[in-house]
């Protein structure tokens, strides 16, 4: 897998940019079960809290937080399904 998030290809992308906290976390919880173990989920979020919420959720659930990219007015957050 690439170490460069710009080169990362997500299996599925969830657009939660219009949602307030904890919308992006809830969308990630629903979407993670739709990708296979070893695949990447990308969450688009304009909520600043997602930068802390999603890594904490990954740690709690055993998935891997790969990082985030700042976009124009939102973040692309990448999660690797581990189990």
PDB file of N, CA and C in Angstrom:
ATOM      1  N   UNK A   1       0.850  -1.188   0.000  1.00  0.00           N
ATOM      2  CA  UNK A   1       0.000   0.000   0.000  1.00  0.00           C
ATOM      3  C   UNK A   1       0.890   1.245   0.000  1.00  0.00           C
ATOM      4  N   UNK A   2       0.506   2.236  -0.700  1.00  0.00           N
ATOM      5  CA  UNK A   2       1.288   3.465  -0.813  1.00  0.00           C
ATOM      6  C   UNK A   2       1.307   4.227   0.504  1.00  0.00           C
ATOM      7  N   UNK A   3       2.449   4.834   0.803  1.00  0.00           N
ATOM      8  CA  UNK A   3       2.544   5.695   1.978  1.00  0.00           C
ATOM      9  C   UNK A   3       2.022   7.093   1.681  1.00  0.00           C
ATOM     10  N   UNK A   4       1.782   7.386   0.414  1.00  0.00           N
ATOM     11  CA  UNK A   4       1.306   8.703   0.011  1.00  0.00           C
ATOM     12  C   UNK A   4      -0.218   8.668  -0.120  1.00  0.00           C
ATOM     13  N   UNK A   5      -0.898   9.422   0.743  1.00  0.00           N
ATOM     14  CA  UNK A   5      -2.363   9.419   0.714  1.00  0.00           C
ATOM     15  C   UNK A   5      -2.919   9.916  -0.615  1.00  0.00           C
ATOM     16  N   UNK A   6      -2.165  10.765  -1.309  1.00  0.00           N
ATOM     17  CA  UNK A   6      -2.637  11.255  -2.606  1.00  0.00           C
ATOM     18  C   UNK A   6      -2.753  10.130  -3.630  1.00  0.00           C
ATOM     19  N   UNK A   7      -1.975   9.073  -3.446  1.00  0.00           N
ATOM     20  CA  UNK A   7      -1.990   7.941  -4.379  1.00  0.00           C
ATOM     21  C   UNK A   7      -2.945   6.833  -3.944  1.00  0.00           C
ATOM     22  N   UNK A   8      -3.513   6.975  -2.768  1.00  0.00           N
ATOM     23  CA  UNK A   8      -4.377   5.933  -2.219  1.00  0.00           C
ATOM     24  C   UNK A   8      -5.704   5.872  -2.971  1.00  0.00           C
ATOM     25  N   UNK A   9      -6.110   4.662  -3.323  1.00  0.00           N
ATOM     26  CA  UNK A   9      -7.388   4.465  -4.008  1.00  0.00           C
ATOM     27  C   UNK A   9      -8.347   3.785  -3.039  1.00  0.00           C
ATOM     28  N   UNK A  10      -9.364   4.498  -2.632  1.00  0.00           N
ATOM     29  CA  UNK A  10     -10.354   3.946  -1.711  1.00  0.00           C
ATOM     30  C   UNK A  10     -11.303   3.022  -2.459  1.00  0.00           C
ATOM     31  N   UNK A  11     -11.713   1.963  -1.796  1.00  0.00           N
ATOM     32  CA  UNK A  11     -12.701   1.047  -2.356  1.00  0.00           C
ATOM     33  C   UNK A  11     -14.067   1.715  -2.374  1.00  0.00           C
ATOM     34  N   UNK A  12     -14.344   2.489  -1.319  1.00  0.00           N
ATOM     35  CA  UNK A  12     -15.627   3.185  -1.209  1.00  0.00           C
ATOM     36  C   UNK A  12     -15.385   4.558  -0.612  1.00  0.00           C
ATOM     37  N   UNK A  13     -16.151   5.545  -1.082  1.00  0.00           N
ATOM     38  CA  UNK A  13     -16.088   6.902  -0.546  1.00  0.00           C
ATOM     39  C   UNK A  13     -17.471   7.289  -0.043  1.00  0.00           C
ATOM     40  N   UNK A  14     -17.489   7.821   1.190  1.00  0.00           N
ATOM     41  CA  UNK A  14     -18.727   8.286   1.804  1.00  0.00           C
ATOM     42  C   UNK A  14     -18.638   9.801   1.927  1.00  0.00           C
ATOM     43  N   UNK A  15     -19.631  10.498   1.407  1.00  0.00           N
ATOM     44  CA  UNK A  15     -19.647  11.957   1.465  1.00  0.00           C
ATOM     45  C   UNK A  15     -20.503  12.405   2.652  1.00  0.00           C
ATOM     46  N   UNK A  16     -19.826  12.846   3.721  1.00  0.00           N
ATOM     47  CA  UNK A  16     -20.522  13.315   4.922  1.00  0.00           C
ATOM     48  C   UNK A  16     -20.256  14.804   5.136  1.00  0.00           C
ATOM     49  N   UNK A  17     -19.945  15.509   4.068  1.00  0.00           N
ATOM     50  CA  UNK A  17     -19.581  16.926   4.190  1.00  0.00           C
ATOM     51  C   UNK A  17     -20.714  17.809   4.683  1.00  0.00           C
ATOM     52  N   UNK A  18     -21.948  17.423   4.437  1.00  0.00           N
ATOM     53  CA  UNK A  18     -23.068  18.274   4.842  1.00  0.00           C
ATOM     54  C   UNK A  18     -23.547  17.960   6.263  1.00  0.00           C
ATOM     55  N   UNK A  19     -22.906  17.017   6.924  1.00  0.00           N
ATOM     56  CA  UNK A  19     -23.369  16.560   8.232  1.00  0.00           C
ATOM     57  C   UNK A  19     -22.571  17.180   9.364  1.00  0.00           C
ATOM     58  N   UNK A  20     -23.291  17.542  10.423  1.00  0.00           N
ATOM     59  CA  UNK A  20     -22.640  18.021  11.641  1.00  0.00           C
ATOM     60  C   UNK A  20     -22.214  16.818  12.470  1.00  0.00           C
ATOM     61  N   UNK A  21     -21.367  17.059  13.425  1.00  0.00           N
ATOM     62  CA  UNK A  21     -20.897  16.010  14.328  1.00  0.00           C
ATOM     63  C   UNK A  21     -22.099  15.353  15.012  1.00  0.00           C
ATOM     64  N   UNK A  22     -22.185  14.052  15.117  1.00  0.00           N
ATOM     65  CA  UNK A  22     -21.211  13.039  14.721  1.00  0.00           C
ATOM     66  C   UNK A  22     -21.559  12.371  13.397  1.00  0.00           C
ATOM     67  N   UNK A  23     -22.099  13.101  12.448  1.00  0.00           N
ATOM     68  CA  UNK A  23     -22.561  12.521  11.187  1.00  0.00           C
ATOM     69  C   UNK A  23     -21.522  11.709  10.438  1.00  0.00           C
ATOM     70  N   UNK A  24     -20.303  12.236  10.333  1.00  0.00           N
ATOM     71  CA  UNK A  24     -19.279  11.503   9.582  1.00  0.00           C
ATOM     72  C   UNK A  24     -18.894  10.208  10.286  1.00  0.00           C
ATOM     73  N   UNK A  25     -18.900  10.214  11.609  1.00  0.00           N
ATOM     74  CA  UNK A  25     -18.595   8.991  12.358  1.00  0.00           C
ATOM     75  C   UNK A  25     -19.693   7.950  12.152  1.00  0.00           C
ATOM     76  N   UNK A  26     -20.941   8.384  12.185  1.00  0.00           N
ATOM     77  CA  UNK A  26     -22.052   7.456  11.960  1.00  0.00           C
ATOM     78  C   UNK A  26     -22.021   6.890  10.546  1.00  0.00           C
ATOM     79  N   UNK A  27     -21.690   7.721   9.571  1.00  0.00           N
ATOM     80  CA  UNK A  27     -21.589   7.256   8.191  1.00  0.00           C
ATOM     81  C   UNK A  27     -20.436   6.258   8.043  1.00  0.00           C
ATOM     82  N   UNK A  28     -19.331   6.526   8.719  1.00  0.00           N
ATOM     83  CA  UNK A  28     -18.188   5.604   8.669  1.00  0.00           C
ATOM     84  C   UNK A  28     -18.563   4.255   9.274  1.00  0.00           C
ATOM     85  N   UNK A  29     -19.293   4.278  10.382  1.00  0.00           N
ATOM     86  CA  UNK A  29     -19.723   3.029  11.032  1.00  0.00           C
ATOM     87  C   UNK A  29     -20.595   2.201  10.099  1.00  0.00           C
ATOM     88  N   UNK A  30     -21.491   2.865   9.374  1.00  0.00           N
ATOM     89  CA  UNK A  30     -22.370   2.154   8.431  1.00  0.00           C
ATOM     90  C   UNK A  30     -21.582   1.633   7.224  1.00  0.00           C
ATOM     91  N   UNK A  31     -20.642   2.430   6.739  1.00  0.00           N
ATOM     92  CA  UNK A  31     -19.941   2.100   5.499  1.00  0.00           C
ATOM     93  C   UNK A  31     -18.829   1.077   5.678  1.00  0.00           C
ATOM     94  N   UNK A  32     -18.208   1.018   6.849  1.00  0.00           N
ATOM     95  CA  UNK A  32     -17.052   0.133   7.015  1.00  0.00           C
ATOM     96  C   UNK A  32     -17.438  -1.324   6.783  1.00  0.00           C
ATOM     97  N   UNK A  33     -18.671  -1.688   7.084  1.00  0.00           N
ATOM     98  CA  UNK A  33     -19.085  -3.088   6.892  1.00  0.00           C
ATOM     99  C   UNK A  33     -19.367  -3.410   5.424  1.00  0.00           C
ATOM    100  N   UNK A  34     -19.353  -2.390   4.565  1.00  0.00           N
ATOM    101  CA  UNK A  34     -19.611  -2.620   3.141  1.00  0.00           C
ATOM    102  C   UNK A  34     -18.324  -2.808   2.343  1.00  0.00           C
ATOM    103  N   UNK A  35     -17.167  -2.626   3.002  1.00  0.00           N
ATOM    104  CA  UNK A  35     -15.893  -2.897   2.336  1.00  0.00           C
ATOM    105  C   UNK A  35     -15.270  -4.135   2.973  1.00  0.00           C
ATOM    106  N   UNK A  36     -14.478  -4.846   2.201  1.00  0.00           N
ATOM    107  CA  UNK A  36     -13.841  -6.067   2.692  1.00  0.00           C
ATOM    108  C   UNK A  36     -12.636  -5.741   3.561  1.00  0.00           C
ATOM    109  N   UNK A  37     -12.255  -6.694   4.403  1.00  0.00           N
ATOM    110  CA  UNK A  37     -11.032  -6.560   5.192  1.00  0.00           C
ATOM    111  C   UNK A  37      -9.871  -6.336   4.226  1.00  0.00           C
ATOM    112  N   UNK A  38      -9.036  -5.353   4.534  1.00  0.00           N
ATOM    113  CA  UNK A  38      -7.909  -5.018   3.669  1.00  0.00           C
ATOM    114  C   UNK A  38      -8.210  -3.921   2.667  1.00  0.00           C
ATOM    115  N   UNK A  39      -9.467  -3.491   2.607  1.00  0.00           N
ATOM    116  CA  UNK A  39      -9.847  -2.409   1.692  1.00  0.00           C
ATOM    117  C   UNK A  39      -9.937  -1.086   2.451  1.00  0.00           C
ATOM    118  N   UNK A  40      -9.926  -0.001   1.681  1.00  0.00           N
ATOM    119  CA  UNK A  40      -9.886   1.343   2.252  1.00  0.00           C
ATOM    120  C   UNK A  40     -11.216   2.064   2.066  1.00  0.00           C
ATOM    121  N   UNK A  41     -11.666   2.680   3.154  1.00  0.00           N
ATOM    122  CA  UNK A  41     -12.855   3.536   3.151  1.00  0.00           C
ATOM    123  C   UNK A  41     -12.384   4.979   3.252  1.00  0.00           C
ATOM    124  N   UNK A  42     -12.918   5.825   2.389  1.00  0.00           N
ATOM    125  CA  UNK A  42     -12.620   7.261   2.439  1.00  0.00           C
ATOM    126  C   UNK A  42     -13.870   7.974   2.919  1.00  0.00           C
ATOM    127  N   UNK A  43     -13.709   8.841   3.921  1.00  0.00           N
ATOM    128  CA  UNK A  43     -14.819   9.631   4.447  1.00  0.00           C
ATOM    129  C   UNK A  43     -14.525  11.098   4.142  1.00  0.00           C
ATOM    130  N   UNK A  44     -15.437  11.753   3.433  1.00  0.00           N
ATOM    131  CA  UNK A  44     -15.313  13.186   3.165  1.00  0.00           C
ATOM    132  C   UNK A  44     -16.060  13.913   4.270  1.00  0.00           C
ATOM    133  N   UNK A  45     -15.366  14.805   4.972  1.00  0.00           N
ATOM    134  CA  UNK A  45     -15.987  15.471   6.114  1.00  0.00           C
ATOM    135  C   UNK A  45     -15.549  16.923   6.208  1.00  0.00           C
ATOM    136  N   UNK A  46     -16.509  17.794   6.470  1.00  0.00           N
ATOM    137  CA  UNK A  46     -16.194  19.206   6.703  1.00  0.00           C
ATOM    138  C   UNK A  46     -16.233  19.521   8.201  1.00  0.00           C
ATOM    139  N   UNK A  47     -16.480  18.515   9.025  1.00  0.00           N
ATOM    140  CA  UNK A  47     -16.530  18.682  10.479  1.00  0.00           C
ATOM    141  C   UNK A  47     -15.131  18.482  11.068  1.00  0.00           C
ATOM    142  N   UNK A  48     -14.599  19.523  11.696  1.00  0.00           N
ATOM    143  CA  UNK A  48     -13.247  19.461  12.257  1.00  0.00           C
ATOM    144  C   UNK A  48     -13.091  18.344  13.294  1.00  0.00           C
ATOM    145  N   UNK A  49     -14.153  18.027  14.009  1.00  0.00           N
ATOM    146  CA  UNK A  49     -14.096  16.993  15.033  1.00  0.00           C
ATOM    147  C   UNK A  49     -13.793  15.610  14.482  1.00  0.00           C
ATOM    148  N   UNK A  50     -14.047  15.410  13.207  1.00  0.00           N
ATOM    149  CA  UNK A  50     -13.788  14.103  12.588  1.00  0.00           C
ATOM    150  C   UNK A  50     -12.313  13.719  12.642  1.00  0.00           C
ATOM    151  N   UNK A  51     -11.441  14.716  12.655  1.00  0.00           N
ATOM    152  CA  UNK A  51      -9.997  14.435  12.697  1.00  0.00           C
ATOM    153  C   UNK A  51      -9.608  13.730  13.991  1.00  0.00           C
ATOM    154  N   UNK A  52     -10.361  13.962  15.070  1.00  0.00           N
ATOM    155  CA  UNK A  52     -10.100  13.273  16.333  1.00  0.00           C
ATOM    156  C   UNK A  52     -11.032  12.077  16.515  1.00  0.00           C
ATOM    157  N   UNK A  53     -12.288  12.227  16.090  1.00  0.00           N
ATOM    158  CA  UNK A  53     -13.278  11.163  16.296  1.00  0.00           C
ATOM    159  C   UNK A  53     -12.947   9.895  15.527  1.00  0.00           C
ATOM    160  N   UNK A  54     -12.575  10.026  14.274  1.00  0.00           N
ATOM    161  CA  UNK A  54     -12.342   8.839  13.447  1.00  0.00           C
ATOM    162  C   UNK A  54     -11.096   8.051  13.856  1.00  0.00           C
ATOM    163  N   UNK A  55      -9.964   8.698  14.191  1.00  0.00           N
ATOM    164  CA  UNK A  55      -8.833   7.905  14.694  1.00  0.00           C
ATOM    165  C   UNK A  55      -9.174   7.176  15.995  1.00  0.00           C
ATOM    166  N   UNK A  56      -9.917   7.832  16.890  1.00  0.00           N
ATOM    167  CA  UNK A  56     -10.312   7.197  18.154  1.00  0.00           C
ATOM    168  C   UNK A  56     -11.232   6.009  17.893  1.00  0.00           C
ATOM    169  N   UNK A  57     -12.162   6.168  16.948  1.00  0.00           N
ATOM    170  CA  UNK A  57     -13.072   5.077  16.590  1.00  0.00           C
ATOM    171  C   UNK A  57     -12.288   3.910  15.996  1.00  0.00           C
ATOM    172  N   UNK A  58     -11.304   4.197  15.159  1.00  0.00           N
ATOM    173  CA  UNK A  58     -10.480   3.137  14.561  1.00  0.00           C
ATOM    174  C   UNK A  58      -9.758   2.348  15.644  1.00  0.00           C
ATOM    175  N   UNK A  59      -9.191   3.057  16.599  1.00  0.00           N
ATOM    176  CA  UNK A  59      -8.464   2.398  17.691  1.00  0.00           C
ATOM    177  C   UNK A  59      -9.403   1.489  18.484  1.00  0.00           C
ATOM    178  N   UNK A  60     -10.610   1.977  18.721  1.00  0.00           N
ATOM    179  CA  UNK A  60     -11.616   1.231  19.494  1.00  0.00           C
ATOM    180  C   UNK A  60     -12.113  -0.004  18.742  1.00  0.00           C
ATOM    181  N   UNK A  61     -12.219   0.096  17.414  1.00  0.00           N
ATOM    182  CA  UNK A  61     -12.805  -0.986  16.623  1.00  0.00           C
ATOM    183  C   UNK A  61     -11.771  -1.910  15.990  1.00  0.00           C
ATOM    184  N   UNK A  62     -10.493  -1.571  16.093  1.00  0.00           N
ATOM    185  CA  UNK A  62      -9.463  -2.417  15.512  1.00  0.00           C
ATOM    186  C   UNK A  62      -9.182  -2.156  14.042  1.00  0.00           C
ATOM    187  N   UNK A  63      -9.758  -1.085  13.499  1.00  0.00           N
ATOM    188  CA  UNK A  63      -9.448  -0.691  12.132  1.00  0.00           C
ATOM    189  C   UNK A  63      -8.253   0.261  12.173  1.00  0.00           C
ATOM    190  N   UNK A  64      -7.688   0.547  11.012  1.00  0.00           N
ATOM    191  CA  UNK A  64      -6.480   1.381  10.972  1.00  0.00           C
ATOM    192  C   UNK A  64      -6.762   2.736  10.339  1.00  0.00           C
ATOM    193  N   UNK A  65      -6.500   3.793  11.113  1.00  0.00           N
ATOM    194  CA  UNK A  65      -6.596   5.158  10.606  1.00  0.00           C
ATOM    195  C   UNK A  65      -5.338   5.419   9.778  1.00  0.00           C
ATOM    196  N   UNK A  66      -5.519   5.713   8.497  1.00  0.00           N
ATOM    197  CA  UNK A  66      -4.380   5.920   7.607  1.00  0.00           C
ATOM    198  C   UNK A  66      -3.959   7.384   7.521  1.00  0.00           C
ATOM    199  N   UNK A  67      -4.859   8.293   7.904  1.00  0.00           N
ATOM    200  CA  UNK A  67      -4.553   9.712   7.853  1.00  0.00           C
ATOM    201  C   UNK A  67      -5.628  10.488   7.109  1.00  0.00           C
ATOM    202  N   UNK A  68      -5.382  11.792   6.973  1.00  0.00           N
ATOM    203  CA  UNK A  68      -6.343  12.629   6.246  1.00  0.00           C
ATOM    204  C   UNK A  68      -5.614  13.622   5.359  1.00  0.00           C
ATOM    205  N   UNK A  69      -6.308  14.050   4.323  1.00  0.00           N
ATOM    206  CA  UNK A  69      -5.817  15.083   3.419  1.00  0.00           C
ATOM    207  C   UNK A  69      -6.741  16.282   3.523  1.00  0.00           C
ATOM    208  N   UNK A  70      -6.154  17.458   3.653  1.00  0.00           N
ATOM    209  CA  UNK A  70      -6.953  18.679   3.646  1.00  0.00           C
ATOM    210  C   UNK A  70      -7.314  18.999   2.202  1.00  0.00           C
ATOM    211  N   UNK A  71      -8.579  19.166   1.971  1.00  0.00           N
ATOM    212  CA  UNK A  71      -9.064  19.547   0.643  1.00  0.00           C
ATOM    213  C   UNK A  71      -9.566  20.987   0.735  1.00  0.00           C
ATOM    214  N   UNK A  72     -10.256  21.448  -0.279  1.00  0.00           N
ATOM    215  CA  UNK A  72     -10.784  22.809  -0.290  1.00  0.00           C
ATOM    216  C   UNK A  72     -12.069  22.857   0.537  1.00  0.00           C
ATOM    217  N   UNK A  73     -11.950  23.115   1.826  1.00  0.00           N
ATOM    218  CA  UNK A  73     -13.121  23.238   2.696  1.00  0.00           C
ATOM    219  C   UNK A  73     -13.557  21.942   3.366  1.00  0.00           C
ATOM    220  N   UNK A  74     -12.825  20.865   3.172  1.00  0.00           N
ATOM    221  CA  UNK A  74     -13.171  19.597   3.822  1.00  0.00           C
ATOM    222  C   UNK A  74     -11.935  18.704   3.891  1.00  0.00           C
ATOM    223  N   UNK A  75     -12.081  17.576   4.577  1.00  0.00           N
ATOM    224  CA  UNK A  75     -11.003  16.593   4.679  1.00  0.00           C
ATOM    225  C   UNK A  75     -11.410  15.301   3.997  1.00  0.00           C
ATOM    226  N   UNK A  76     -10.429  14.605   3.445  1.00  0.00           N
ATOM    227  CA  UNK A  76     -10.577  13.220   3.010  1.00  0.00           C
ATOM    228  C   UNK A  76      -9.882  12.387   4.074  1.00  0.00           C
ATOM    229  N   UNK A  77     -10.639  11.529   4.743  1.00  0.00           N
ATOM    230  CA  UNK A  77     -10.119  10.724   5.843  1.00  0.00           C
ATOM    231  C   UNK A  77     -10.126   9.269   5.391  1.00  0.00           C
ATOM    232  N   UNK A  78      -9.006   8.582   5.607  1.00  0.00           N
ATOM    233  CA  UNK A  78      -8.831   7.219   5.093  1.00  0.00           C
ATOM    234  C   UNK A  78      -8.736   6.204   6.232  1.00  0.00           C
ATOM    235  N   UNK A  79      -9.529   5.150   6.110  1.00  0.00           N
ATOM    236  CA  UNK A  79      -9.567   4.086   7.112  1.00  0.00           C
ATOM    237  C   UNK A  79      -9.383   2.739   6.402  1.00  0.00           C
ATOM    238  N   UNK A  80      -8.492   1.924   6.928  1.00  0.00           N
ATOM    239  CA  UNK A  80      -8.261   0.571   6.407  1.00  0.00           C
ATOM    240  C   UNK A  80      -9.029  -0.409   7.284  1.00  0.00           C
ATOM    241  N   UNK A  81      -9.902  -1.194   6.659  1.00  0.00           N
ATOM    242  CA  UNK A  81     -10.663  -2.189   7.430  1.00  0.00           C
ATOM    243  C   UNK A  81      -9.733  -3.335   7.785  1.00  0.00           C
ATOM    244  N   UNK A  82      -9.621  -3.603   9.073  1.00  0.00           N
ATOM    245  CA  UNK A  82      -8.705  -4.629   9.559  1.00  0.00           C
ATOM    246  C   UNK A  82      -9.403  -5.902  10.023  1.00  0.00           C
ATOM    247  N   UNK A  83     -10.710  -5.785  10.352  1.00  0.00           N
ATOM    248  CA  UNK A  83     -11.414  -6.993  10.812  1.00  0.00           C
ATOM    249  C   UNK A  83     -12.888  -6.914  10.546  1.00  0.00           C
TER     250      UNK A  83
END
